[in-house]
C-alpha atoms as a PDB file:
ATOM      1  CA  MET A   1     -13.499 -15.373  -4.739  1.00  0.00           C
ATOM      2  CA  GLY A   2     -10.337 -14.098  -6.402  1.00  0.00           C
ATOM      3  CA  THR A   3     -12.049 -10.981  -7.706  1.00  0.00           C
ATOM      4  CA  VAL A   4     -13.389 -10.153  -4.246  1.00  0.00           C
ATOM      5  CA  LEU A   5      -9.897 -10.500  -2.755  1.00  0.00           C
ATOM      6  CA  MET A   6      -8.426  -8.311  -5.485  1.00  0.00           C
ATOM      7  CA  MET A   7     -11.013  -5.588  -4.893  1.00  0.00           C
ATOM      8  CA  LEU A   8     -10.632  -5.773  -1.119  1.00  0.00           C
ATOM      9  CA  GLY A   9      -6.865  -5.611  -1.477  1.00  0.00           C
ATOM     10  CA  LEU A  10      -7.146  -2.620  -3.780  1.00  0.00           C
ATOM     11  CA  VAL A  11      -9.293  -0.734  -1.279  1.00  0.00           C
ATOM     12  CA  VAL A  12      -7.001  -1.610   1.646  1.00  0.00           C
ATOM     13  CA  ALA A  13      -3.862  -0.626  -0.273  1.00  0.00           C
ATOM     14  CA  PHE A  14      -5.488   2.632  -1.394  1.00  0.00           C
ATOM     15  CA  ILE A  15      -6.413   3.525   2.193  1.00  0.00           C
ATOM     16  CA  GLY A  16      -2.892   2.687   3.360  1.00  0.00           C
ATOM     17  CA  GLY A  17      -1.382   4.823   0.606  1.00  0.00           C
ATOM     18  CA  ILE A  18      -3.561   7.821   1.402  1.00  0.00           C
ATOM     19  CA  TRP A  19      -2.818   7.414   5.116  1.00  0.00           C
ATOM     20  CA  LEU A  20       0.923   7.325   4.375  1.00  0.00           C
ATOM     21  CA  ILE A  21       0.714  10.524   2.316  1.00  0.00           C
ATOM     22  CA  VAL A  22      -1.240  12.252   5.086  1.00  0.00           C
ATOM     23  CA  ALA A  23       1.312  11.108   7.686  1.00  0.00           C
ATOM     24  CA  ALA A  24       4.141  12.408   5.505  1.00  0.00           C
ATOM     25  CA  PHE A  25       2.447  15.807   5.153  1.00  0.00           C
ATOM     26  CA  GLN A  26       1.974  15.892   8.936  1.00  0.00           C
ATOM     27  CA  GLU A  27       5.736  15.477   9.308  1.00  0.00           C
ATOM     28  CA  SER A  28       6.595  18.185   6.765  1.00  0.00           C
ATOM     29  CA  VAL A  29       5.448  19.570   3.432  1.00  0.00           C
ATOM     30  CA  VAL A  30       8.647  18.329   1.778  1.00  0.00           C
ATOM     31  CA  TRP A  31       8.053  14.735   2.938  1.00  0.00           C
ATOM     32  CA  GLY A  32       4.449  14.987   1.819  1.00  0.00           C
ATOM     33  CA  LEU A  33       5.330  16.198  -1.657  1.00  0.00           C
ATOM     34  CA  LEU A  34       8.085  13.622  -2.023  1.00  0.00           C
ATOM     35  CA  THR A  35       5.738  10.830  -0.958  1.00  0.00           C
ATOM     36  CA  LEU A  36       2.996  12.104  -3.239  1.00  0.00           C
ATOM     37  CA  PHE A  37       5.118  12.431  -6.396  1.00  0.00           C
ATOM     38  CA  ILE A  38       7.976   9.948  -5.887  1.00  0.00           C
ATOM     39  CA  GLY A  39       6.745   6.509  -4.847  1.00  0.00           C
ATOM     40  CA  PRO A  40       9.863   5.120  -3.157  1.00  0.00           C
ATOM     41  CA  ALA A  41      10.049   8.234  -0.958  1.00  0.00           C
ATOM     42  CA  GLY A  42       7.035   6.880   0.930  1.00  0.00           C
ATOM     43  CA  LEU A  43       8.967   3.751   1.810  1.00  0.00           C
ATOM     44  CA  VAL A  44      11.935   5.828   2.936  1.00  0.00           C
ATOM     45  CA  PHE A  45       9.621   8.037   4.990  1.00  0.00           C
ATOM     46  CA  ALA A  46       7.959   5.053   6.651  1.00  0.00           C
ATOM     47  CA  ILE A  47      11.319   3.520   7.580  1.00  0.00           C
ATOM     48  CA  MET A  48      12.809   6.778   8.856  1.00  0.00           C
ATOM     49  CA  HIS A  49       9.632   7.761  10.750  1.00  0.00           C
ATOM     50  CA  TRP A  50       8.356   4.340  11.778  1.00  0.00           C
ATOM     51  CA  GLU A  51       6.201   5.636  14.638  1.00  0.00           C
ATOM     52  CA  ARG A  52       4.180   7.722  12.188  1.00  0.00           C
ATOM     53  CA  GLY A  53       4.514   5.786   8.911  1.00  0.00           C
ATOM     54  CA  GLY A  54       4.761   2.149  10.015  1.00  0.00           C
ATOM     55  CA  LYS A  55       1.057   1.363  10.314  1.00  0.00           C
ATOM     56  CA  PRO A  56       0.105   2.908   6.953  1.00  0.00           C
ATOM     57  CA  LEU A  57       2.975   1.052   5.277  1.00  0.00           C
ATOM     58  CA  MET A  58       1.897  -2.261   6.788  1.00  0.00           C
ATOM     59  CA  LEU A  59      -1.698  -1.621   5.715  1.00  0.00           C
ATOM     60  CA  ASN A  60      -0.476  -0.877   2.197  1.00  0.00           C
ATOM     61  CA  ILE A  61       1.603  -4.067   2.101  1.00  0.00           C
ATOM     62  CA  GLY A  62      -1.335  -6.088   3.453  1.00  0.00           C
ATOM     63  CA  GLY A  63      -3.521  -4.752   0.658  1.00  0.00           C
ATOM     64  CA  LEU A  64      -0.926  -5.735  -1.914  1.00  0.00           C
ATOM     65  CA  VAL A  65      -0.756  -9.255  -0.464  1.00  0.00           C
ATOM     66  CA  LEU A  66      -4.545  -9.527  -0.722  1.00  0.00           C
ATOM     67  CA  MET A  67      -4.442  -8.357  -4.338  1.00  0.00           C
ATOM     68  CA  PHE A  68      -1.780 -10.895  -5.269  1.00  0.00           C
ATOM     69  CA  ALA A  69      -3.719 -13.652  -3.493  1.00  0.00           C
ATOM     70  CA  GLY A  70      -6.780 -12.679  -5.502  1.00  0.00           C
ATOM     71  CA  VAL A  71      -4.800 -12.807  -8.729  1.00  0.00           C
ATOM     72  CA  ALA A  72      -3.454 -16.236  -7.801  1.00  0.00           C
ATOM     73  CA  LEU A  73      -6.964 -17.520  -7.097  1.00  0.00           C
ATOM     74  CA  SER A  74      -8.328 -16.047 -10.329  1.00  0.00           C
ATOM     75  CA  ALA A  75      -5.672 -17.515 -12.592  1.00  0.00           C
ATOM     76  CA  PRO A  76      -6.878 -20.400 -14.739  1.00  0.00           C
ATOM     77  CA  PRO A  77      -5.361 -23.786 -13.923  1.00  0.00           C
ATOM     78  CA  PRO A  78      -2.456 -24.870 -16.114  1.00  0.00           C
ATOM     79  CA  PRO A  79      -3.303 -27.230 -18.973  1.00  0.00           C
ATOM     80  CA  ALA A  80      -2.867 -30.909 -18.241  1.00  0.00           C
END
Protein backbone atom coordinates (compact mmCIF):
# COMPACT_ATOMS: atom_id res chain seq x y z
CA MET A 1 0.00 0.00 0.00
CA GLY A 2 2.84 2.38 0.83
CA THR A 3 4.51 1.86 -2.53
CA VAL A 4 1.27 2.61 -4.37
CA LEU A 5 0.85 5.85 -2.40
CA MET A 6 4.44 6.84 -3.10
CA MET A 7 4.03 6.24 -6.84
CA LEU A 8 0.68 8.04 -6.95
CA GLY A 9 2.17 10.95 -5.03
CA LEU A 10 5.12 11.09 -7.39
CA VAL A 11 2.85 11.27 -10.43
CA VAL A 12 0.61 13.92 -8.84
CA ALA A 13 3.57 16.05 -7.75
CA PHE A 14 5.16 15.73 -11.20
CA ILE A 15 1.94 16.89 -12.89
CA GLY A 16 1.66 19.80 -10.46
CA GLY A 17 5.27 20.79 -11.09
CA ILE A 18 4.88 20.73 -14.86
CA TRP A 19 1.63 22.69 -14.59
CA LEU A 20 3.36 25.31 -12.43
CA ILE A 21 6.19 25.70 -14.96
CA VAL A 22 3.68 26.07 -17.79
CA ALA A 23 1.72 28.68 -15.80
CA ALA A 24 4.93 30.58 -15.10
CA PHE A 25 5.85 30.60 -18.80
CA GLN A 26 2.33 31.85 -19.60
CA GLU A 27 2.97 34.80 -17.30
CA SER A 28 6.39 35.62 -18.78
CA VAL A 29 9.49 33.93 -20.13
CA VAL A 30 11.52 35.22 -17.18
CA TRP A 31 9.14 33.65 -14.64
CA GLY A 32 9.17 30.43 -16.63
CA LEU A 33 12.95 30.21 -16.74
CA LEU A 34 13.26 31.10 -13.07
CA THR A 35 10.71 28.45 -12.12
CA LEU A 36 12.37 25.89 -14.36
CA PHE A 37 15.94 26.39 -13.11
CA ILE A 38 15.52 27.77 -9.57
CA GLY A 39 13.11 25.71 -7.48
CA PRO A 40 12.06 28.27 -4.87
CA ALA A 41 11.14 30.72 -7.65
CA GLY A 42 8.12 28.52 -8.36
CA LEU A 43 6.88 29.03 -4.82
CA VAL A 44 7.41 32.77 -5.12
CA PHE A 45 5.60 32.78 -8.46
CA ALA A 46 2.65 30.83 -7.06
CA ILE A 47 2.31 33.20 -4.10
CA MET A 48 2.65 36.36 -6.19
CA HIS A 49 0.33 35.07 -8.94
CA TRP A 50 -2.08 32.97 -6.89
CA GLU A 51 -4.86 33.03 -9.49
CA ARG A 52 -2.58 31.33 -12.00
CA GLY A 53 -0.16 29.37 -9.79
CA GLY A 54 -2.25 28.41 -6.76
CA LYS A 55 -3.86 25.25 -8.12
CA PRO A 56 -0.62 23.78 -9.49
CA LEU A 57 1.13 24.53 -6.20
CA MET A 58 -1.62 22.84 -4.20
CA LEU A 59 -1.50 19.82 -6.51
CA ASN A 60 2.27 19.65 -6.04
CA ILE A 61 1.93 19.85 -2.25
CA GLY A 62 -0.80 17.19 -2.30
CA GLY A 63 1.50 14.88 -4.23
CA LEU A 64 4.26 15.42 -1.70
CA VAL A 65 1.87 14.60 1.15
CA LEU A 66 0.90 11.37 -0.61
CA MET A 67 4.57 10.46 -1.08
CA PHE A 68 5.37 11.05 2.58
CA ALA A 69 2.31 9.04 3.62
CA GLY A 70 3.53 6.20 1.43
CA VAL A 71 6.97 6.37 3.00
CA ALA A 72 5.43 6.30 6.47
CA LEU A 73 3.35 3.24 5.58
CA SER A 74 6.33 1.46 4.03
CA ALA A 75 8.67 1.97 6.96
CA PRO A 76 9.32 -1.16 8.99
CA PRO A 77 7.94 -1.12 12.53
CA PRO A 78 10.41 -0.21 15.27
CA PRO A 79 11.98 -3.12 17.15
CA ALA A 80 10.26 -4.10 20.36
